[in-house]
Amino acid sequence: MTALGLYLAKKSISKAGVSEKIGISRSTLSELTLNESTHLRAKELYLIALAIDVDPCEVLKELYQR
């Protein structure tokens, strides 16, 4: 599972609901949350953050903290 997948799971967020809100397919969102070799684009991160009503900077910090 990717950092995005863990983040969504921790927040108990439905991937199906997010995919509907941002207009990407469920399979694409599943790839972003399950496949480590898939790269999350800034636009996708931004749209996901808006869909879950979270500041995009918070999501960015959570996913890429080191």
N, C-alpha and C. Protein backbone atom coordinates (compact mmCIF):
# COMPACT_ATOMS: atom_id res chain seq x y z
N MET A 1 0.85 -1.17 0.00
CA MET A 1 0.00 0.00 0.00
C MET A 1 0.90 1.25 0.00
N THR A 2 0.47 2.25 -0.73
CA THR A 2 1.24 3.48 -0.83
C THR A 2 0.94 4.40 0.36
N ALA A 3 1.70 5.47 0.46
CA ALA A 3 1.46 6.46 1.52
C ALA A 3 0.06 7.06 1.38
N LEU A 4 -0.38 7.27 0.15
CA LEU A 4 -1.73 7.78 -0.07
C LEU A 4 -2.77 6.78 0.41
N GLY A 5 -2.56 5.52 0.10
CA GLY A 5 -3.48 4.47 0.55
C GLY A 5 -3.57 4.40 2.06
N LEU A 6 -2.43 4.50 2.73
CA LEU A 6 -2.40 4.48 4.19
C LEU A 6 -3.10 5.70 4.76
N TYR A 7 -2.88 6.85 4.14
CA TYR A 7 -3.51 8.09 4.60
C TYR A 7 -5.03 8.00 4.50
N LEU A 8 -5.53 7.54 3.36
CA LEU A 8 -6.98 7.41 3.18
C LEU A 8 -7.56 6.37 4.13
N ALA A 9 -6.84 5.29 4.35
CA ALA A 9 -7.32 4.25 5.27
C ALA A 9 -7.36 4.78 6.70
N LYS A 10 -6.33 5.53 7.08
CA LYS A 10 -6.27 6.09 8.43
C LYS A 10 -7.43 7.05 8.67
N LYS A 11 -7.83 7.78 7.65
CA LYS A 11 -8.93 8.74 7.76
C LYS A 11 -10.29 8.09 7.49
N SER A 12 -10.30 6.79 7.19
CA SER A 12 -11.53 6.03 6.87
C SER A 12 -12.31 6.68 5.73
N ILE A 13 -11.60 6.96 4.64
CA ILE A 13 -12.18 7.63 3.48
C ILE A 13 -12.44 6.61 2.38
N SER A 14 -13.63 6.68 1.80
CA SER A 14 -14.02 5.79 0.72
C SER A 14 -13.35 6.20 -0.59
N LYS A 15 -12.60 5.28 -1.18
CA LYS A 15 -11.96 5.57 -2.46
C LYS A 15 -13.00 5.75 -3.56
N ALA A 16 -14.10 5.04 -3.48
CA ALA A 16 -15.15 5.17 -4.49
C ALA A 16 -15.74 6.57 -4.46
N GLY A 17 -15.98 7.08 -3.27
CA GLY A 17 -16.53 8.43 -3.15
C GLY A 17 -15.57 9.48 -3.66
N VAL A 18 -14.29 9.31 -3.35
CA VAL A 18 -13.27 10.26 -3.82
C VAL A 18 -13.18 10.23 -5.33
N SER A 19 -13.17 9.04 -5.91
CA SER A 19 -13.03 8.94 -7.37
C SER A 19 -14.20 9.62 -8.08
N GLU A 20 -15.40 9.50 -7.52
CA GLU A 20 -16.57 10.17 -8.10
C GLU A 20 -16.43 11.68 -8.02
N LYS A 21 -16.00 12.17 -6.86
CA LYS A 21 -15.90 13.62 -6.66
C LYS A 21 -14.86 14.27 -7.56
N ILE A 22 -13.74 13.58 -7.81
CA ILE A 22 -12.67 14.23 -8.58
C ILE A 22 -12.66 13.82 -10.04
N GLY A 23 -13.49 12.86 -10.40
CA GLY A 23 -13.63 12.50 -11.81
C GLY A 23 -12.55 11.61 -12.38
N ILE A 24 -11.93 10.79 -11.53
CA ILE A 24 -11.02 9.78 -12.07
C ILE A 24 -11.61 8.41 -11.77
N SER A 25 -11.19 7.43 -12.53
CA SER A 25 -11.76 6.10 -12.37
C SER A 25 -11.33 5.47 -11.05
N ARG A 26 -12.14 4.53 -10.60
CA ARG A 26 -11.81 3.81 -9.37
C ARG A 26 -10.52 3.01 -9.55
N SER A 27 -10.32 2.49 -10.76
CA SER A 27 -9.09 1.71 -10.99
C SER A 27 -7.85 2.59 -10.91
N THR A 28 -7.94 3.81 -11.41
CA THR A 28 -6.80 4.73 -11.31
C THR A 28 -6.52 5.07 -9.86
N LEU A 29 -7.55 5.35 -9.09
CA LEU A 29 -7.36 5.66 -7.67
C LEU A 29 -6.82 4.44 -6.93
N SER A 30 -7.28 3.26 -7.29
CA SER A 30 -6.75 2.04 -6.66
C SER A 30 -5.26 1.87 -6.97
N GLU A 31 -4.87 2.16 -8.19
CA GLU A 31 -3.45 2.10 -8.55
C GLU A 31 -2.64 3.08 -7.71
N LEU A 32 -3.16 4.28 -7.53
CA LEU A 32 -2.46 5.30 -6.76
C LEU A 32 -2.34 4.92 -5.28
N THR A 33 -3.27 4.12 -4.79
CA THR A 33 -3.25 3.76 -3.37
C THR A 33 -2.58 2.41 -3.09
N LEU A 34 -2.44 1.59 -4.11
CA LEU A 34 -1.90 0.25 -3.89
C LEU A 34 -0.53 -0.01 -4.52
N ASN A 35 -0.25 0.62 -5.63
CA ASN A 35 0.95 0.32 -6.41
C ASN A 35 2.05 1.34 -6.13
N GLU A 36 3.12 0.91 -5.49
CA GLU A 36 4.23 1.80 -5.13
C GLU A 36 4.91 2.43 -6.35
N SER A 37 4.84 1.79 -7.49
CA SER A 37 5.51 2.33 -8.68
C SER A 37 4.68 3.39 -9.40
N THR A 38 3.44 3.59 -8.96
CA THR A 38 2.58 4.62 -9.55
C THR A 38 2.92 5.96 -8.93
N HIS A 39 3.02 6.99 -9.75
CA HIS A 39 3.39 8.31 -9.27
C HIS A 39 2.16 9.20 -9.14
N LEU A 40 2.02 9.80 -7.98
CA LEU A 40 0.92 10.71 -7.71
C LEU A 40 1.28 12.10 -8.25
N ARG A 41 0.45 12.63 -9.11
CA ARG A 41 0.68 13.96 -9.67
C ARG A 41 0.13 15.02 -8.72
N ALA A 42 0.70 16.21 -8.81
CA ALA A 42 0.29 17.31 -7.94
C ALA A 42 -1.19 17.62 -8.12
N LYS A 43 -1.67 17.60 -9.35
CA LYS A 43 -3.08 17.89 -9.61
C LYS A 43 -3.98 16.85 -8.94
N GLU A 44 -3.58 15.58 -8.99
CA GLU A 44 -4.35 14.52 -8.36
C GLU A 44 -4.37 14.70 -6.84
N LEU A 45 -3.22 15.01 -6.27
CA LEU A 45 -3.13 15.24 -4.83
C LEU A 45 -4.04 16.40 -4.43
N TYR A 46 -4.01 17.47 -5.20
CA TYR A 46 -4.83 18.65 -4.92
C TYR A 46 -6.32 18.30 -4.98
N LEU A 47 -6.74 17.59 -6.01
CA LEU A 47 -8.14 17.23 -6.15
C LEU A 47 -8.60 16.27 -5.06
N ILE A 48 -7.75 15.34 -4.69
CA ILE A 48 -8.08 14.41 -3.61
C ILE A 48 -8.25 15.17 -2.31
N ALA A 49 -7.35 16.09 -2.03
CA ALA A 49 -7.44 16.89 -0.80
C ALA A 49 -8.75 17.69 -0.77
N LEU A 50 -9.11 18.29 -1.88
CA LEU A 50 -10.36 19.05 -1.93
C LEU A 50 -11.56 18.12 -1.72
N ALA A 51 -11.51 16.93 -2.30
CA ALA A 51 -12.62 15.99 -2.20
C ALA A 51 -12.83 15.51 -0.76
N ILE A 52 -11.76 15.41 0.00
CA ILE A 52 -11.88 14.94 1.39
C ILE A 52 -11.89 16.09 2.39
N ASP A 53 -11.97 17.32 1.85
CA ASP A 53 -12.07 18.53 2.66
C ASP A 53 -10.90 18.69 3.63
N VAL A 54 -9.69 18.55 3.07
CA VAL A 54 -8.46 18.71 3.83
C VAL A 54 -7.55 19.67 3.06
N ASP A 55 -6.77 20.44 3.78
CA ASP A 55 -5.82 21.34 3.15
C ASP A 55 -4.80 20.52 2.34
N PRO A 56 -4.61 20.84 1.07
CA PRO A 56 -3.66 20.09 0.25
C PRO A 56 -2.25 20.05 0.85
N CYS A 57 -1.85 21.11 1.54
CA CYS A 57 -0.53 21.13 2.17
C CYS A 57 -0.42 20.08 3.27
N GLU A 58 -1.52 19.85 3.99
CA GLU A 58 -1.53 18.83 5.04
C GLU A 58 -1.31 17.44 4.42
N VAL A 59 -2.00 17.17 3.32
CA VAL A 59 -1.85 15.88 2.64
C VAL A 59 -0.41 15.73 2.14
N LEU A 60 0.11 16.78 1.54
CA LEU A 60 1.49 16.75 1.02
C LEU A 60 2.48 16.46 2.14
N LYS A 61 2.34 17.15 3.25
CA LYS A 61 3.25 16.93 4.39
C LYS A 61 3.12 15.51 4.93
N GLU A 62 1.90 15.02 5.02
CA GLU A 62 1.67 13.68 5.55
C GLU A 62 2.27 12.60 4.65
N LEU A 63 2.13 12.78 3.35
CA LEU A 63 2.61 11.75 2.42
C LEU A 63 4.11 11.76 2.22
N TYR A 64 4.72 12.93 2.29
CA TYR A 64 6.13 13.03 1.94
C TYR A 64 7.01 13.52 3.07
N GLN A 65 6.61 13.30 4.31
CA GLN A 65 7.45 13.68 5.44
C GLN A 65 8.63 12.72 5.54
N ARG A 66 9.75 13.27 5.90
CA ARG A 66 10.96 12.45 6.08
C ARG A 66 11.77 12.99 7.19
